[in-house]
mmCIF file of all heavy atoms, coordinates in Angstrom:
data_MODEL
# 
_entry.id   MODEL 
# 
loop_
_atom_site.group_PDB 
_atom_site.id 
_atom_site.type_symbol 
_atom_site.label_atom_id 
_atom_site.label_alt_id 
_atom_site.label_comp_id 
_atom_site.label_asym_id 
_atom_site.label_entity_id 
_atom_site.label_seq_id 
_atom_site.pdbx_PDB_ins_code 
_atom_site.Cartn_x 
_atom_site.Cartn_y 
_atom_site.Cartn_z 
_atom_site.occupancy 
_atom_site.B_iso_or_equiv 
_atom_site.pdbx_formal_charge 
_atom_site.auth_seq_id 
_atom_site.auth_comp_id 
_atom_site.auth_asym_id 
_atom_site.auth_atom_id 
_atom_site.pdbx_PDB_model_num 
ATOM 1   N N   . LEU A 1 1  ? 3.973   3.138  -10.915 1.00 0.00 ? 1  LEU A N   1 
ATOM 2   C CA  . LEU A 1 1  ? 3.964   1.925  -11.722 1.00 0.00 ? 1  LEU A CA  1 
ATOM 3   C C   . LEU A 1 1  ? 2.903   1.953  -12.815 1.00 0.00 ? 1  LEU A C   1 
ATOM 4   O O   . LEU A 1 1  ? 3.077   1.348  -13.862 1.00 0.00 ? 1  LEU A O   1 
ATOM 5   C CB  . LEU A 1 1  ? 3.736   0.696  -10.830 1.00 0.00 ? 1  LEU A CB  1 
ATOM 6   C CG  . LEU A 1 1  ? 4.843   0.384  -9.827  1.00 0.00 ? 1  LEU A CG  1 
ATOM 7   C CD1 . LEU A 1 1  ? 4.461   -0.825 -8.987  1.00 0.00 ? 1  LEU A CD1 1 
ATOM 8   C CD2 . LEU A 1 1  ? 6.163   0.165  -10.530 1.00 0.00 ? 1  LEU A CD2 1 
ATOM 9   N N   . VAL A 1 2  ? 1.795   2.629  -12.544 1.00 0.00 ? 2  VAL A N   1 
ATOM 10  C CA  . VAL A 1 2  ? 0.689   2.695  -13.503 1.00 0.00 ? 2  VAL A CA  1 
ATOM 11  C C   . VAL A 1 2  ? 0.368   4.156  -13.774 1.00 0.00 ? 2  VAL A C   1 
ATOM 12  O O   . VAL A 1 2  ? 0.292   4.971  -12.856 1.00 0.00 ? 2  VAL A O   1 
ATOM 13  C CB  . VAL A 1 2  ? -0.571  1.971  -12.975 1.00 0.00 ? 2  VAL A CB  1 
ATOM 14  C CG1 . VAL A 1 2  ? -1.741  2.130  -13.941 1.00 0.00 ? 2  VAL A CG1 1 
ATOM 15  C CG2 . VAL A 1 2  ? -0.279  0.497  -12.727 1.00 0.00 ? 2  VAL A CG2 1 
ATOM 16  N N   . SER A 1 3  ? 0.188   4.445  -15.037 1.00 0.00 ? 3  SER A N   1 
ATOM 17  C CA  . SER A 1 3  ? -0.223  5.778  -15.426 1.00 0.00 ? 3  SER A CA  1 
ATOM 18  C C   . SER A 1 3  ? -1.640  5.697  -15.977 1.00 0.00 ? 3  SER A C   1 
ATOM 19  O O   . SER A 1 3  ? -1.942  4.845  -16.807 1.00 0.00 ? 3  SER A O   1 
ATOM 20  C CB  . SER A 1 3  ? 0.723   6.326  -16.490 1.00 0.00 ? 3  SER A CB  1 
ATOM 21  O OG  . SER A 1 3  ? 0.397   7.660  -16.762 1.00 0.00 ? 3  SER A OG  1 
ATOM 22  N N   . VAL A 1 4  ? -2.509  6.551  -15.470 1.00 0.00 ? 4  VAL A N   1 
ATOM 23  C CA  . VAL A 1 4  ? -3.893  6.613  -15.931 1.00 0.00 ? 4  VAL A CA  1 
ATOM 24  C C   . VAL A 1 4  ? -4.051  7.934  -16.661 1.00 0.00 ? 4  VAL A C   1 
ATOM 25  O O   . VAL A 1 4  ? -3.874  9.003  -16.080 1.00 0.00 ? 4  VAL A O   1 
ATOM 26  C CB  . VAL A 1 4  ? -4.881  6.526  -14.745 1.00 0.00 ? 4  VAL A CB  1 
ATOM 27  C CG1 . VAL A 1 4  ? -6.322  6.634  -15.238 1.00 0.00 ? 4  VAL A CG1 1 
ATOM 28  C CG2 . VAL A 1 4  ? -4.676  5.227  -13.971 1.00 0.00 ? 4  VAL A CG2 1 
ATOM 29  N N   . ILE A 1 5  ? -4.351  7.848  -17.928 1.00 0.00 ? 5  ILE A N   1 
ATOM 30  C CA  . ILE A 1 5  ? -4.487  9.056  -18.740 1.00 0.00 ? 5  ILE A CA  1 
ATOM 31  C C   . ILE A 1 5  ? -5.842  9.033  -19.431 1.00 0.00 ? 5  ILE A C   1 
ATOM 32  O O   . ILE A 1 5  ? -6.294  7.994  -19.902 1.00 0.00 ? 5  ILE A O   1 
ATOM 33  C CB  . ILE A 1 5  ? -3.328  9.192  -19.758 1.00 0.00 ? 5  ILE A CB  1 
ATOM 34  C CG1 . ILE A 1 5  ? -3.462  10.467 -20.583 1.00 0.00 ? 5  ILE A CG1 1 
ATOM 35  C CG2 . ILE A 1 5  ? -3.194  7.969  -20.629 1.00 0.00 ? 5  ILE A CG2 1 
ATOM 36  C CD1 . ILE A 1 5  ? -2.247  10.811 -21.410 1.00 0.00 ? 5  ILE A CD1 1 
ATOM 37  N N   . MET A 1 6  ? -6.485  10.175 -19.428 1.00 0.00 ? 6  MET A N   1 
ATOM 38  C CA  . MET A 1 6  ? -7.791  10.271 -20.071 1.00 0.00 ? 6  MET A CA  1 
ATOM 39  C C   . MET A 1 6  ? -7.800  11.453 -21.019 1.00 0.00 ? 6  MET A C   1 
ATOM 40  O O   . MET A 1 6  ? -7.026  12.393 -20.853 1.00 0.00 ? 6  MET A O   1 
ATOM 41  C CB  . MET A 1 6  ? -8.894  10.385 -19.024 1.00 0.00 ? 6  MET A CB  1 
ATOM 42  C CG  . MET A 1 6  ? -8.751  11.550 -18.084 1.00 0.00 ? 6  MET A CG  1 
ATOM 43  S SD  . MET A 1 6  ? -9.598  11.287 -16.509 1.00 0.00 ? 6  MET A SD  1 
ATOM 44  C CE  . MET A 1 6  ? -8.370  10.352 -15.632 1.00 0.00 ? 6  MET A CE  1 
ATOM 45  N N   . GLY A 1 7  ? -8.671  11.379 -22.004 1.00 0.00 ? 7  GLY A N   1 
ATOM 46  C CA  . GLY A 1 7  ? -8.734  12.413 -23.017 1.00 0.00 ? 7  GLY A CA  1 
ATOM 47  C C   . GLY A 1 7  ? -9.324  13.712 -22.535 1.00 0.00 ? 7  GLY A C   1 
ATOM 48  O O   . GLY A 1 7  ? -9.087  14.769 -23.119 1.00 0.00 ? 7  GLY A O   1 
ATOM 49  N N   . SER A 1 8  ? -10.070 13.662 -21.445 1.00 0.00 ? 8  SER A N   1 
ATOM 50  C CA  . SER A 1 8  ? -10.750 14.847 -20.938 1.00 0.00 ? 8  SER A CA  1 
ATOM 51  C C   . SER A 1 8  ? -11.027 14.680 -19.450 1.00 0.00 ? 8  SER A C   1 
ATOM 52  O O   . SER A 1 8  ? -11.222 13.558 -18.967 1.00 0.00 ? 8  SER A O   1 
ATOM 53  C CB  . SER A 1 8  ? -12.077 15.034 -21.684 1.00 0.00 ? 8  SER A CB  1 
ATOM 54  O OG  . SER A 1 8  ? -12.880 15.996 -21.079 1.00 0.00 ? 8  SER A OG  1 
ATOM 55  N N   . LYS A 1 9  ? -11.061 15.786 -18.738 1.00 0.00 ? 9  LYS A N   1 
ATOM 56  C CA  . LYS A 1 9  ? -11.398 15.748 -17.313 1.00 0.00 ? 9  LYS A CA  1 
ATOM 57  C C   . LYS A 1 9  ? -12.796 15.166 -17.091 1.00 0.00 ? 9  LYS A C   1 
ATOM 58  O O   . LYS A 1 9  ? -13.078 14.569 -16.051 1.00 0.00 ? 9  LYS A O   1 
ATOM 59  C CB  . LYS A 1 9  ? -11.298 17.157 -16.724 1.00 0.00 ? 9  LYS A CB  1 
ATOM 60  C CG  . LYS A 1 9  ? -11.485 17.210 -15.238 1.00 0.00 ? 9  LYS A CG  1 
ATOM 61  C CD  . LYS A 1 9  ? -11.361 18.637 -14.726 1.00 0.00 ? 9  LYS A CD  1 
ATOM 62  C CE  . LYS A 1 9  ? -11.695 18.697 -13.253 1.00 0.00 ? 9  LYS A CE  1 
ATOM 63  N NZ  . LYS A 1 9  ? -11.701 20.078 -12.760 1.00 0.00 ? 9  LYS A NZ  1 
ATOM 64  N N   . SER A 1 10 ? -13.652 15.275 -18.089 1.00 0.00 ? 10 SER A N   1 
ATOM 65  C CA  . SER A 1 10 ? -15.012 14.741 -17.966 1.00 0.00 ? 10 SER A CA  1 
ATOM 66  C C   . SER A 1 10 ? -15.025 13.210 -17.868 1.00 0.00 ? 10 SER A C   1 
ATOM 67  O O   . SER A 1 10 ? -16.024 12.616 -17.480 1.00 0.00 ? 10 SER A O   1 
ATOM 68  C CB  . SER A 1 10 ? -15.887 15.204 -19.136 1.00 0.00 ? 10 SER A CB  1 
ATOM 69  O OG  . SER A 1 10 ? -15.415 14.655 -20.355 1.00 0.00 ? 10 SER A OG  1 
ATOM 70  N N   . ASP A 1 11 ? -13.903 12.558 -18.205 1.00 0.00 ? 11 ASP A N   1 
ATOM 71  C CA  . ASP A 1 11 ? -13.796 11.102 -18.084 1.00 0.00 ? 11 ASP A CA  1 
ATOM 72  C C   . ASP A 1 11 ? -13.481 10.659 -16.650 1.00 0.00 ? 11 ASP A C   1 
ATOM 73  O O   . ASP A 1 11 ? -13.564 9.474  -16.335 1.00 0.00 ? 11 ASP A O   1 
ATOM 74  C CB  . ASP A 1 11 ? -12.695 10.565 -19.009 1.00 0.00 ? 11 ASP A CB  1 
ATOM 75  C CG  . ASP A 1 11 ? -12.969 10.859 -20.472 1.00 0.00 ? 11 ASP A CG  1 
ATOM 76  O OD1 . ASP A 1 11 ? -14.153 10.964 -20.853 1.00 0.00 ? 11 ASP A OD1 1 
ATOM 77  O OD2 . ASP A 1 11 ? -11.992 10.979 -21.239 1.00 0.00 ? 11 ASP A OD2 1 
ATOM 78  N N   . LEU A 1 12 ? -13.124 11.600 -15.795 1.00 0.00 ? 12 LEU A N   1 
ATOM 79  C CA  . LEU A 1 12 ? -12.683 11.262 -14.439 1.00 0.00 ? 12 LEU A CA  1 
ATOM 80  C C   . LEU A 1 12 ? -13.726 10.493 -13.620 1.00 0.00 ? 12 LEU A C   1 
ATOM 81  O O   . LEU A 1 12 ? -13.356 9.530  -12.932 1.00 0.00 ? 12 LEU A O   1 
ATOM 82  C CB  . LEU A 1 12 ? -12.220 12.515 -13.690 1.00 0.00 ? 12 LEU A CB  1 
ATOM 83  C CG  . LEU A 1 12 ? -11.560 12.291 -12.343 1.00 0.00 ? 12 LEU A CG  1 
ATOM 84  C CD1 . LEU A 1 12 ? -10.360 11.352 -12.452 1.00 0.00 ? 12 LEU A CD1 1 
ATOM 85  C CD2 . LEU A 1 12 ? -11.133 13.626 -11.735 1.00 0.00 ? 12 LEU A CD2 1 
ATOM 86  N N   . PRO A 1 13 ? -15.022 10.833 -13.669 1.00 0.00 ? 13 PRO A N   1 
ATOM 87  C CA  . PRO A 1 13 ? -15.979 10.049 -12.881 1.00 0.00 ? 13 PRO A CA  1 
ATOM 88  C C   . PRO A 1 13 ? -15.946 8.549  -13.214 1.00 0.00 ? 13 PRO A C   1 
ATOM 89  O O   . PRO A 1 13 ? -16.042 7.715  -12.318 1.00 0.00 ? 13 PRO A O   1 
ATOM 90  C CB  . PRO A 1 13 ? -17.333 10.668 -13.227 1.00 0.00 ? 13 PRO A CB  1 
ATOM 91  C CG  . PRO A 1 13 ? -16.998 12.085 -13.585 1.00 0.00 ? 13 PRO A CG  1 
ATOM 92  C CD  . PRO A 1 13 ? -15.669 12.005 -14.287 1.00 0.00 ? 13 PRO A CD  1 
ATOM 93  N N   . VAL A 1 14 ? -15.782 8.192  -14.479 1.00 0.00 ? 14 VAL A N   1 
ATOM 94  C CA  . VAL A 1 14 ? -15.672 6.784  -14.866 1.00 0.00 ? 14 VAL A CA  1 
ATOM 95  C C   . VAL A 1 14 ? -14.337 6.225  -14.392 1.00 0.00 ? 14 VAL A C   1 
ATOM 96  O O   . VAL A 1 14 ? -14.264 5.129  -13.837 1.00 0.00 ? 14 VAL A O   1 
ATOM 97  C CB  . VAL A 1 14 ? -15.811 6.611  -16.396 1.00 0.00 ? 14 VAL A CB  1 
ATOM 98  C CG1 . VAL A 1 14 ? -15.438 5.197  -16.824 1.00 0.00 ? 14 VAL A CG1 1 
ATOM 99  C CG2 . VAL A 1 14 ? -17.227 6.945  -16.843 1.00 0.00 ? 14 VAL A CG2 1 
ATOM 100 N N   . MET A 1 15 ? -13.278 6.982  -14.570 1.00 0.00 ? 15 MET A N   1 
ATOM 101 C CA  . MET A 1 15 ? -11.935 6.490  -14.265 1.00 0.00 ? 15 MET A CA  1 
ATOM 102 C C   . MET A 1 15 ? -11.648 6.401  -12.769 1.00 0.00 ? 15 MET A C   1 
ATOM 103 O O   . MET A 1 15 ? -10.701 5.745  -12.363 1.00 0.00 ? 15 MET A O   1 
ATOM 104 C CB  . MET A 1 15 ? -10.897 7.342  -14.976 1.00 0.00 ? 15 MET A CB  1 
ATOM 105 C CG  . MET A 1 15 ? -10.989 7.241  -16.501 1.00 0.00 ? 15 MET A CG  1 
ATOM 106 S SD  . MET A 1 15 ? -11.056 5.525  -17.096 1.00 0.00 ? 15 MET A SD  1 
ATOM 107 C CE  . MET A 1 15 ? -9.407  4.984  -16.646 1.00 0.00 ? 15 MET A CE  1 
ATOM 108 N N   . GLU A 1 16 ? -12.485 7.024  -11.949 1.00 0.00 ? 16 GLU A N   1 
ATOM 109 C CA  . GLU A 1 16 ? -12.320 6.911  -10.489 1.00 0.00 ? 16 GLU A CA  1 
ATOM 110 C C   . GLU A 1 16 ? -12.350 5.448  -10.056 1.00 0.00 ? 16 GLU A C   1 
ATOM 111 O O   . GLU A 1 16 ? -11.692 5.068  -9.095  1.00 0.00 ? 16 GLU A O   1 
ATOM 112 C CB  . GLU A 1 16 ? -13.399 7.695  -9.739  1.00 0.00 ? 16 GLU A CB  1 
ATOM 113 C CG  . GLU A 1 16 ? -13.150 9.180  -9.664  1.00 0.00 ? 16 GLU A CG  1 
ATOM 114 C CD  . GLU A 1 16 ? -11.966 9.582  -8.788  1.00 0.00 ? 16 GLU A CD  1 
ATOM 115 O OE1 . GLU A 1 16 ? -11.436 8.736  -8.022  1.00 0.00 ? 16 GLU A OE1 1 
ATOM 116 O OE2 . GLU A 1 16 ? -11.551 10.736 -8.879  1.00 0.00 ? 16 GLU A OE2 1 
ATOM 117 N N   . ARG A 1 17 ? -13.108 4.618  -10.769 1.00 0.00 ? 17 ARG A N   1 
ATOM 118 C CA  . ARG A 1 17 ? -13.174 3.192  -10.422 1.00 0.00 ? 17 ARG A CA  1 
ATOM 119 C C   . ARG A 1 17 ? -11.813 2.526  -10.603 1.00 0.00 ? 17 ARG A C   1 
ATOM 120 O O   . ARG A 1 17 ? -11.435 1.648  -9.833  1.00 0.00 ? 17 ARG A O   1 
ATOM 121 C CB  . ARG A 1 17 ? -14.254 2.497  -11.243 1.00 0.00 ? 17 ARG A CB  1 
ATOM 122 C CG  . ARG A 1 17 ? -15.645 2.907  -10.768 1.00 0.00 ? 17 ARG A CG  1 
ATOM 123 C CD  . ARG A 1 17 ? -16.736 2.329  -11.638 1.00 0.00 ? 17 ARG A CD  1 
ATOM 124 N NE  . ARG A 1 17 ? -17.394 3.478  -12.246 1.00 0.00 ? 17 ARG A NE  1 
ATOM 125 C CZ  . ARG A 1 17 ? -18.022 3.479  -13.397 1.00 0.00 ? 17 ARG A CZ  1 
ATOM 126 N NH1 . ARG A 1 17 ? -18.106 2.387  -14.112 1.00 0.00 ? 17 ARG A NH1 1 
ATOM 127 N NH2 . ARG A 1 17 ? -18.595 4.553  -13.853 1.00 0.00 ? 17 ARG A NH2 1 
ATOM 128 N N   . ALA A 1 18 ? -11.068 2.939  -11.612 1.00 0.00 ? 18 ALA A N   1 
ATOM 129 C CA  . ALA A 1 18 ? -9.708  2.417  -11.798 1.00 0.00 ? 18 ALA A CA  1 
ATOM 130 C C   . ALA A 1 18 ? -8.801  2.916  -10.684 1.00 0.00 ? 18 ALA A C   1 
ATOM 131 O O   . ALA A 1 18 ? -8.018  2.145  -10.114 1.00 0.00 ? 18 ALA A O   1 
ATOM 132 C CB  . ALA A 1 18 ? -9.148  2.832  -13.153 1.00 0.00 ? 18 ALA A CB  1 
ATOM 133 N N   . LEU A 1 19 ? -8.924  4.183  -10.355 1.00 0.00 ? 19 LEU A N   1 
ATOM 134 C CA  . LEU A 1 19 ? -8.078  4.764  -9.310  1.00 0.00 ? 19 LEU A CA  1 
ATOM 135 C C   . LEU A 1 19 ? -8.358  4.092  -7.965  1.00 0.00 ? 19 LEU A C   1 
ATOM 136 O O   . LEU A 1 19 ? -7.426  3.773  -7.222  1.00 0.00 ? 19 LEU A O   1 
ATOM 137 C CB  . LEU A 1 19 ? -8.299  6.270  -9.219  1.00 0.00 ? 19 LEU A CB  1 
ATOM 138 C CG  . LEU A 1 19 ? -8.101  7.058  -10.520 1.00 0.00 ? 19 LEU A CG  1 
ATOM 139 C CD1 . LEU A 1 19 ? -8.324  8.550  -10.284 1.00 0.00 ? 19 LEU A CD1 1 
ATOM 140 C CD2 . LEU A 1 19 ? -6.756  6.790  -11.154 1.00 0.00 ? 19 LEU A CD2 1 
ATOM 141 N N   . ASP A 1 20 ? -9.633  3.866  -7.659  1.00 0.00 ? 20 ASP A N   1 
ATOM 142 C CA  . ASP A 1 20 ? -10.000 3.194  -6.409  1.00 0.00 ? 20 ASP A CA  1 
ATOM 143 C C   . ASP A 1 20 ? -9.427  1.775  -6.355  1.00 0.00 ? 20 ASP A C   1 
ATOM 144 O O   . ASP A 1 20 ? -8.946  1.331  -5.312  1.00 0.00 ? 20 ASP A O   1 
ATOM 145 C CB  . ASP A 1 20 ? -11.525 3.135  -6.250  1.00 0.00 ? 20 ASP A CB  1 
ATOM 146 C CG  . ASP A 1 20 ? -12.149 4.495  -5.988  1.00 0.00 ? 20 ASP A CG  1 
ATOM 147 O OD1 . ASP A 1 20 ? -11.418 5.439  -5.627  1.00 0.00 ? 20 ASP A OD1 1 
ATOM 148 O OD2 . ASP A 1 20 ? -13.383 4.610  -6.168  1.00 0.00 ? 20 ASP A OD2 1 
ATOM 149 N N   . THR A 1 21 ? -9.481  1.071  -7.479  1.00 0.00 ? 21 THR A N   1 
ATOM 150 C CA  . THR A 1 21 ? -8.955  -0.295 -7.532  1.00 0.00 ? 21 THR A CA  1 
ATOM 151 C C   . THR A 1 21 ? -7.443  -0.292 -7.335  1.00 0.00 ? 21 THR A C   1 
ATOM 152 O O   . THR A 1 21 ? -6.907  -1.098 -6.566  1.00 0.00 ? 21 THR A O   1 
ATOM 153 C CB  . THR A 1 21 ? -9.337  -0.968 -8.862  1.00 0.00 ? 21 THR A CB  1 
ATOM 154 O OG1 . THR A 1 21 ? -10.771 -0.976 -8.977  1.00 0.00 ? 21 THR A OG1 1 
ATOM 155 C CG2 . THR A 1 21 ? -8.822  -2.390 -8.941  1.00 0.00 ? 21 THR A CG2 1 
ATOM 156 N N   . LEU A 1 22 ? -6.756  0.615  -8.002  1.00 0.00 ? 22 LEU A N   1 
ATOM 157 C CA  . LEU A 1 22 ? -5.299  0.709  -7.837  1.00 0.00 ? 22 LEU A CA  1 
ATOM 158 C C   . LEU A 1 22 ? -4.948  1.044  -6.386  1.00 0.00 ? 22 LEU A C   1 
ATOM 159 O O   . LEU A 1 22 ? -4.030  0.447  -5.811  1.00 0.00 ? 22 LEU A O   1 
ATOM 160 C CB  . LEU A 1 22 ? -4.723  1.754  -8.790  1.00 0.00 ? 22 LEU A CB  1 
ATOM 161 C CG  . LEU A 1 22 ? -4.800  1.392  -10.279 1.00 0.00 ? 22 LEU A CG  1 
ATOM 162 C CD1 . LEU A 1 22 ? -4.458  2.607  -11.136 1.00 0.00 ? 22 LEU A CD1 1 
ATOM 163 C CD2 . LEU A 1 22 ? -3.895  0.211  -10.612 1.00 0.00 ? 22 LEU A CD2 1 
ATOM 164 N N   . ARG A 1 23 ? -5.693  1.980  -5.801  1.00 0.00 ? 23 ARG A N   1 
ATOM 165 C CA  . ARG A 1 23 ? -5.457  2.342  -4.389  1.00 0.00 ? 23 ARG A CA  1 
ATOM 166 C C   . ARG A 1 23 ? -5.649  1.131  -3.472  1.00 0.00 ? 23 ARG A C   1 
ATOM 167 O O   . ARG A 1 23 ? -4.873  0.922  -2.546  1.00 0.00 ? 23 ARG A O   1 
ATOM 168 C CB  . ARG A 1 23 ? -6.417  3.454  -3.950  1.00 0.00 ? 23 ARG A CB  1 
ATOM 169 C CG  . ARG A 1 23 ? -6.011  4.834  -4.355  1.00 0.00 ? 23 ARG A CG  1 
ATOM 170 C CD  . ARG A 1 23 ? -6.960  5.881  -3.742  1.00 0.00 ? 23 ARG A CD  1 
ATOM 171 N NE  . ARG A 1 23 ? -6.862  7.103  -4.498  1.00 0.00 ? 23 ARG A NE  1 
ATOM 172 C CZ  . ARG A 1 23 ? -7.757  7.539  -5.385  1.00 0.00 ? 23 ARG A CZ  1 
ATOM 173 N NH1 . ARG A 1 23 ? -8.877  6.879  -5.597  1.00 0.00 ? 23 ARG A NH1 1 
ATOM 174 N NH2 . ARG A 1 23 ? -7.561  8.657  -6.029  1.00 0.00 ? 23 ARG A NH2 1 
ATOM 175 N N   . SER A 1 24 ? -6.696  0.356  -3.729  1.00 0.00 ? 24 SER A N   1 
ATOM 176 C CA  . SER A 1 24 ? -7.001  -0.779 -2.849  1.00 0.00 ? 24 SER A CA  1 
ATOM 177 C C   . SER A 1 24 ? -5.891  -1.827 -2.868  1.00 0.00 ? 24 SER A C   1 
ATOM 178 O O   . SER A 1 24 ? -5.733  -2.575 -1.907  1.00 0.00 ? 24 SER A O   1 
ATOM 179 C CB  . SER A 1 24 ? -8.345  -1.406 -3.214  1.00 0.00 ? 24 SER A CB  1 
ATOM 180 O OG  . SER A 1 24 ? -8.255  -2.149 -4.410  1.00 0.00 ? 24 SER A OG  1 
ATOM 181 N N   . PHE A 1 25 ? -5.109  -1.877 -3.935  1.00 0.00 ? 25 PHE A N   1 
ATOM 182 C CA  . PHE A 1 25 ? -3.983  -2.801 -4.025  1.00 0.00 ? 25 PHE A CA  1 
ATOM 183 C C   . PHE A 1 25 ? -2.656  -2.128 -3.676  1.00 0.00 ? 25 PHE A C   1 
ATOM 184 O O   . PHE A 1 25 ? -1.606  -2.762 -3.739  1.00 0.00 ? 25 PHE A O   1 
ATOM 185 C CB  . PHE A 1 25 ? -3.895  -3.406 -5.435  1.00 0.00 ? 25 PHE A CB  1 
ATOM 186 C CG  . PHE A 1 25 ? -4.823  -4.566 -5.656  1.00 0.00 ? 25 PHE A CG  1 
ATOM 187 C CD1 . PHE A 1 25 ? -6.126  -4.362 -6.061  1.00 0.00 ? 25 PHE A CD1 1 
ATOM 188 C CD2 . PHE A 1 25 ? -4.392  -5.862 -5.447  1.00 0.00 ? 25 PHE A CD2 1 
ATOM 189 C CE1 . PHE A 1 25 ? -6.992  -5.421 -6.266  1.00 0.00 ? 25 PHE A CE1 1 
ATOM 190 C CE2 . PHE A 1 25 ? -5.241  -6.932 -5.643  1.00 0.00 ? 25 PHE A CE2 1 
ATOM 191 C CZ  . PHE A 1 25 ? -6.546  -6.717 -6.053  1.00 0.00 ? 25 PHE A CZ  1 
ATOM 192 N N   . GLY A 1 26 ? -2.707  -0.842 -3.352  1.00 0.00 ? 26 GLY A N   1 
ATOM 193 C CA  . GLY A 1 26 ? -1.489  -0.122 -2.990  1.00 0.00 ? 26 GLY A CA  1 
ATOM 194 C C   . GLY A 1 26 ? -0.556  0.138  -4.161  1.00 0.00 ? 26 GLY A C   1 
ATOM 195 O O   . GLY A 1 26 ? 0.653   0.250  -3.971  1.00 0.00 ? 26 GLY A O   1 
ATOM 196 N N   . ILE A 1 27 ? -1.107  0.240  -5.349  1.00 0.00 ? 27 ILE A N   1 
ATOM 197 C CA  . ILE A 1 27 ? -0.299  0.469  -6.550  1.00 0.00 ? 27 ILE A CA  1 
ATOM 198 C C   . ILE A 1 27 ? -0.081  1.974  -6.730  1.00 0.00 ? 27 ILE A C   1 
ATOM 199 O O   . ILE A 1 27 ? -1.050  2.736  -6.868  1.00 0.00 ? 27 ILE A O   1 
ATOM 200 C CB  . ILE A 1 27 ? -1.002  -0.088 -7.813  1.00 0.00 ? 27 ILE A CB  1 
ATOM 201 C CG1 . ILE A 1 27 ? -1.350  -1.560 -7.647  1.00 0.00 ? 27 ILE A CG1 1 
ATOM 202 C CG2 . ILE A 1 27 ? -0.155  0.175  -9.061  1.00 0.00 ? 27 ILE A CG2 1 
ATOM 203 C CD1 . ILE A 1 27 ? -0.186  -2.487 -7.509  1.00 0.00 ? 27 ILE A CD1 1 
# 
């Protein structure tokens, strides 16, 4: 349902917070 795209793998540490939030809602 949601696609998370980042310009570089180096953005992943910041984007983990989005992934954790999506996981917590079962998205």
